[in-house]
Amino acid sequence: MGIKLDIHQFPCLNDNYGYLVHEAESGQTVAIDTPDAARYLEEAAARGWRINAIWNTHWHPDHAGGNLAIKEATGCRIIGPAGEAAKIPGLDLAVKQGDVLELGHAKAQVLDVPGHTLGHVAFHFANQHAAFVGDSVFALGCGRVFEGTMEMMWHSLKRIKALPKETQLYCAHEYTASNARFAVTIEPENKALKAYVAWIEKRRADGLPTVPALLERELETNPFLRADLQIMQIAMGHPGDPVATFAEIRGRKDRF
């Protein structure tokens, strides 16, 4: 029997999701990013959980802005990307690709996924089929390439694409409806995408989240993850070149 994680997902700020991950046997709880310190503390208290650690995916204020307030309230340990160590408030431990973090009896592998920012990381709980991916990838989308290069971002997406297909991607924002409107402009005849869009519309109409996103479905529908497919490369005018194809799709989304 594998170690079970209780993943509590809740909306905060305008369109962020907050995540508290609890391992019941040890009683340990980690906050994945800290967009809203007060909300995280309230949500933890309501469940009788104490935040023992913060794991930051990257330095942006809607991901690390609540670090110090939560640390002051709980005495928790702050863990974040080595590539952004100077930018992570209250950092205690810097981590990088291949490092393994423990949450009680559960283990998460650190993945380097730069592009949105230069040091962005994700946390993959392989045994629990869960990956906390920050702003590297979204349901039907990916993060804007603010600090890295298109090649760097594509390499990061390939790292996420290589995870087991049953992995649930816990991304940081509810952007799916707008991402869907764009995705259908890239692949209007994609039947899996059409079905996904209908599901998204129903979920949002019912006031329900579209996150987490199942990697298997994203591989069939997310245009940013499909830049290595010949049909996509031809459609984007860059046969044989996944990086240029990804860059073309990202550029179109930026202008959408």
Protein backbone atom coordinates (compact mmCIF):
# COMPACT_ATOMS: atom_id res chain seq x y z
CA MET A 1 0.00 0.00 0.00
CA GLY A 2 1.54 3.31 -1.05
CA ILE A 3 1.71 6.40 1.06
CA LYS A 4 -1.42 8.50 0.57
CA LEU A 5 -1.33 12.26 0.29
CA ASP A 6 -4.20 14.58 1.10
CA ILE A 7 -4.02 17.39 -1.47
CA HIS A 8 -6.11 20.39 -0.54
CA GLN A 9 -6.60 22.78 -3.46
CA PHE A 10 -8.24 26.17 -3.02
CA PRO A 11 -8.59 29.36 -5.08
CA CYS A 12 -6.80 32.51 -3.94
CA LEU A 13 -5.89 35.94 -5.31
CA ASN A 14 -7.53 36.49 -8.72
CA ASP A 15 -6.90 33.18 -10.45
CA ASN A 16 -4.24 31.34 -8.43
CA TYR A 17 -4.63 27.98 -6.81
CA GLY A 18 -3.16 27.31 -3.41
CA TYR A 19 -2.05 23.83 -2.43
CA LEU A 20 -1.55 22.23 0.96
CA VAL A 21 -0.22 18.68 0.82
CA HIS A 22 -0.61 16.56 3.95
CA GLU A 23 0.87 13.18 4.77
CA ALA A 24 -1.36 11.83 7.52
CA GLU A 25 0.87 9.14 9.00
CA SER A 26 3.56 11.66 9.92
CA GLY A 27 1.23 14.64 10.26
CA GLN A 28 3.52 16.67 8.01
CA THR A 29 2.10 19.40 5.75
CA VAL A 30 3.79 21.35 2.97
CA ALA A 31 2.56 24.52 1.29
CA ILE A 32 3.26 24.54 -2.43
CA ASP A 33 3.99 28.22 -3.14
CA THR A 34 2.49 31.03 -1.06
CA PRO A 35 0.33 33.43 -3.09
CA ASP A 36 -1.72 34.48 -0.04
CA ALA A 37 -0.27 33.85 3.42
CA ALA A 38 -3.45 34.55 5.39
CA ARG A 39 -5.50 32.23 3.21
CA TYR A 40 -2.96 29.40 3.55
CA LEU A 41 -2.89 29.73 7.34
CA GLU A 42 -6.70 29.76 7.48
CA GLU A 43 -7.03 26.73 5.24
CA ALA A 44 -4.43 24.80 7.25
CA ALA A 45 -6.04 25.71 10.58
CA ALA A 46 -9.48 24.65 9.33
CA ARG A 47 -8.09 21.16 8.74
CA GLY A 48 -6.04 20.99 11.91
CA TRP A 49 -2.84 20.92 9.89
CA ARG A 50 0.38 22.74 10.74
CA ILE A 51 2.52 23.92 7.85
CA ASN A 52 5.97 22.39 8.32
CA ALA A 53 7.51 23.52 5.05
CA ILE A 54 7.03 25.72 2.01
CA TRP A 55 8.15 24.45 -1.38
CA ASN A 56 8.49 27.27 -3.90
CA THR A 57 8.41 26.60 -7.63
CA HIS A 58 9.78 30.05 -8.54
CA TRP A 59 10.32 33.54 -7.22
CA HIS A 60 7.34 35.49 -8.60
CA PRO A 61 5.39 37.30 -5.83
CA ASP A 62 2.20 35.32 -6.48
CA HIS A 63 4.24 32.20 -5.66
CA ALA A 64 6.65 33.28 -2.92
CA GLY A 65 5.06 36.47 -1.59
CA GLY A 66 3.61 34.82 1.51
CA ASN A 67 6.79 33.01 2.56
CA LEU A 68 7.88 35.23 5.41
CA ALA A 69 4.45 35.65 6.99
CA ILE A 70 3.86 31.89 7.00
CA LYS A 71 7.35 31.23 8.33
CA GLU A 72 6.82 33.75 11.12
CA ALA A 73 3.52 32.13 12.07
CA THR A 74 4.65 28.51 11.90
CA GLY A 75 8.45 28.35 12.03
CA CYS A 76 8.35 26.32 8.82
CA ARG A 77 11.29 25.57 6.57
CA ILE A 78 11.40 27.23 3.15
CA ILE A 79 12.69 25.22 0.20
CA GLY A 80 13.09 26.64 -3.28
CA PRO A 81 15.01 26.55 -6.55
CA ALA A 82 18.78 26.86 -6.42
CA GLY A 83 18.69 28.90 -9.63
CA GLU A 84 16.70 31.63 -7.86
CA ALA A 85 18.05 31.29 -4.32
CA ALA A 86 18.72 35.02 -3.97
CA LYS A 87 15.12 35.84 -4.91
CA ILE A 88 13.25 33.40 -2.63
CA PRO A 89 12.24 35.14 0.64
CA GLY A 90 13.43 33.28 3.75
CA LEU A 91 15.02 30.42 1.82
CA ASP A 92 16.51 27.66 4.01
CA LEU A 93 17.33 25.01 1.42
CA ALA A 94 18.03 25.39 -2.30
CA VAL A 95 17.19 22.41 -4.54
CA LYS A 96 17.74 21.39 -8.14
CA GLN A 97 17.16 18.63 -10.69
CA GLY A 98 17.55 15.19 -9.16
CA ASP A 99 17.18 16.23 -5.53
CA VAL A 100 14.60 14.33 -3.51
CA LEU A 101 12.40 15.95 -0.88
CA GLU A 102 10.52 14.11 1.84
CA LEU A 103 7.06 14.91 3.07
CA GLY A 104 6.68 12.54 5.96
CA HIS A 105 6.90 9.12 4.35
CA ALA A 106 6.27 10.40 0.81
CA LYS A 107 9.04 11.45 -1.55
CA ALA A 108 9.09 14.04 -4.32
CA GLN A 109 11.71 14.45 -7.02
CA VAL A 110 12.76 17.97 -7.96
CA LEU A 111 12.60 18.74 -11.68
CA ASP A 112 14.35 21.71 -13.26
CA VAL A 113 11.83 23.31 -15.66
CA PRO A 114 13.26 26.77 -16.51
CA GLY A 115 11.87 29.11 -19.15
CA HIS A 116 9.10 31.06 -17.44
CA THR A 117 11.83 31.99 -14.97
CA LEU A 118 15.45 30.88 -15.08
CA GLY A 119 15.32 28.68 -11.99
CA HIS A 120 11.75 27.34 -12.08
CA VAL A 121 11.34 23.87 -10.55
CA ALA A 122 8.52 21.35 -10.23
CA PHE A 123 7.91 18.67 -7.59
CA HIS A 124 6.95 15.16 -8.71
CA PHE A 125 5.46 12.63 -6.29
CA ALA A 126 5.91 9.58 -8.51
CA ASN A 127 4.15 7.08 -6.26
CA GLN A 128 1.14 9.38 -5.86
CA HIS A 129 0.99 10.32 -9.57
CA ALA A 130 1.08 14.04 -8.74
CA ALA A 131 3.31 16.85 -9.99
CA PHE A 132 3.20 20.44 -8.76
CA VAL A 133 4.33 22.39 -11.79
CA GLY A 134 3.83 26.06 -10.89
CA ASP A 135 3.72 28.17 -14.04
CA SER A 136 5.76 25.85 -16.27
CA VAL A 137 2.72 24.17 -17.79
CA PHE A 138 -1.02 24.76 -17.49
CA ALA A 139 -4.09 22.86 -18.58
CA LEU A 140 -3.97 23.47 -22.37
CA GLY A 141 -1.18 26.01 -21.91
CA CYS A 142 2.28 26.84 -20.66
CA GLY A 143 3.89 29.76 -18.90
CA ARG A 144 5.03 32.82 -20.78
CA VAL A 145 8.74 32.72 -21.53
CA PHE A 146 9.78 35.72 -19.44
CA GLU A 147 13.39 34.97 -18.48
CA GLY A 148 14.50 31.94 -20.45
CA THR A 149 14.64 31.06 -24.13
CA MET A 150 12.16 29.19 -26.29
CA GLU A 151 14.63 26.29 -26.52
CA MET A 152 14.94 26.20 -22.73
CA MET A 153 11.16 26.20 -22.29
CA TRP A 154 10.67 23.43 -24.84
CA HIS A 155 13.30 21.32 -23.06
CA SER A 156 11.39 21.85 -19.80
CA LEU A 157 8.11 20.82 -21.39
CA LYS A 158 9.80 17.69 -22.74
CA ARG A 159 10.80 16.85 -19.16
CA ILE A 160 7.16 17.14 -18.10
CA LYS A 161 5.98 15.20 -21.19
CA ALA A 162 8.23 12.31 -20.11
CA LEU A 163 6.42 11.81 -16.79
CA PRO A 164 4.02 8.86 -16.55
CA LYS A 165 0.79 9.55 -18.45
CA GLU A 166 -1.32 9.04 -15.32
CA THR A 167 0.37 12.01 -13.63
CA GLN A 168 -1.98 14.74 -12.43
CA LEU A 169 -0.48 18.18 -13.12
CA TYR A 170 -1.27 20.64 -10.34
CA CYS A 171 -0.64 24.00 -11.99
CA ALA A 172 -0.90 27.36 -10.30
CA HIS A 173 -3.64 29.17 -12.22
CA GLU A 174 -7.16 28.68 -13.56
CA TYR A 175 -6.38 29.74 -17.13
CA THR A 176 -7.97 26.77 -18.85
CA ALA A 177 -10.99 28.39 -20.49
CA SER A 178 -8.89 31.08 -22.19
CA ASN A 179 -6.23 28.51 -23.08
CA ALA A 180 -8.95 26.38 -24.69
CA ARG A 181 -10.14 29.26 -26.85
CA PHE A 182 -6.59 29.58 -28.17
CA ALA A 183 -5.91 25.87 -28.55
CA VAL A 184 -8.80 25.40 -30.97
CA THR A 185 -7.26 28.03 -33.27
CA ILE A 186 -4.18 25.81 -33.55
CA GLU A 187 -5.90 22.44 -33.96
CA PRO A 188 -9.54 23.06 -34.91
CA GLU A 189 -10.08 19.43 -36.01
CA ASN A 190 -8.62 17.77 -32.90
CA LYS A 191 -11.47 15.56 -31.63
CA ALA A 192 -9.90 15.04 -28.20
CA LEU A 193 -9.55 18.81 -27.87
CA LYS A 194 -13.19 19.38 -28.82
CA ALA A 195 -14.28 16.94 -26.10
CA TYR A 196 -11.96 18.59 -23.58
CA VAL A 197 -13.36 22.04 -24.40
CA ALA A 198 -16.90 20.82 -23.77
CA TRP A 199 -15.82 19.37 -20.42
CA ILE A 200 -14.07 22.65 -19.48
CA GLU A 201 -17.15 24.71 -20.35
CA LYS A 202 -19.33 22.48 -18.16
CA ARG A 203 -16.89 22.57 -15.25
CA ARG A 204 -16.61 26.36 -15.31
CA ALA A 205 -20.37 26.82 -15.70
CA ASP A 206 -20.77 24.72 -12.55
CA GLY A 207 -18.14 26.81 -10.73
CA LEU A 208 -15.72 23.88 -10.55
CA PRO A 209 -11.94 23.84 -11.17
CA THR A 210 -10.39 22.38 -14.30
CA VAL A 211 -7.16 21.68 -12.42
CA PRO A 212 -5.43 19.29 -11.89
CA ALA A 213 -4.88 18.28 -15.50
CA LEU A 214 -4.22 14.68 -16.48
CA LEU A 215 -0.97 14.48 -18.45
CA GLU A 216 -2.37 11.86 -20.82
CA ARG A 217 -5.11 14.25 -21.91
CA GLU A 218 -2.71 17.16 -22.17
CA LEU A 219 -0.49 15.16 -24.52
CA GLU A 220 -3.48 14.75 -26.83
CA THR A 221 -4.72 18.34 -26.66
CA ASN A 222 -2.23 20.90 -25.32
CA PRO A 223 -0.66 22.56 -28.38
CA PHE A 224 2.50 23.51 -26.48
CA LEU A 225 3.21 19.86 -25.66
CA ARG A 226 2.63 18.79 -29.26
CA ALA A 227 5.38 20.78 -31.02
CA ASP A 228 7.33 17.58 -31.66
CA LEU A 229 4.55 16.16 -33.86
CA GLN A 230 5.09 16.34 -37.61
CA ILE A 231 1.51 17.41 -38.29
CA MET A 232 1.92 20.34 -35.90
CA GLN A 233 5.31 21.33 -37.29
CA ILE A 234 3.93 21.42 -40.83
CA ALA A 235 0.87 23.40 -39.76
CA MET A 236 3.10 25.97 -38.02
CA GLY A 237 5.48 26.20 -40.98
CA HIS A 238 8.52 24.62 -39.31
CA PRO A 239 8.77 20.99 -40.45
CA GLY A 240 11.39 19.04 -38.52
CA ASP A 241 11.95 21.77 -35.92
CA PRO A 242 10.12 21.36 -32.58
CA VAL A 243 11.74 24.43 -31.00
CA ALA A 244 10.68 26.75 -33.84
CA THR A 245 7.24 25.14 -33.80
CA PHE A 246 6.91 25.71 -30.06
CA ALA A 247 8.13 29.30 -30.49
CA GLU A 248 5.54 29.91 -33.21
CA ILE A 249 2.73 28.62 -30.98
CA ARG A 250 3.97 30.60 -27.97
CA GLY A 251 4.22 33.74 -30.07
CA ARG A 252 0.68 33.31 -31.34
CA LYS A 253 -0.59 32.84 -27.79
CA ASP A 254 1.24 35.96 -26.62
CA ARG A 255 -0.62 37.93 -29.31
CA PHE A 256 -3.96 36.17 -28.86
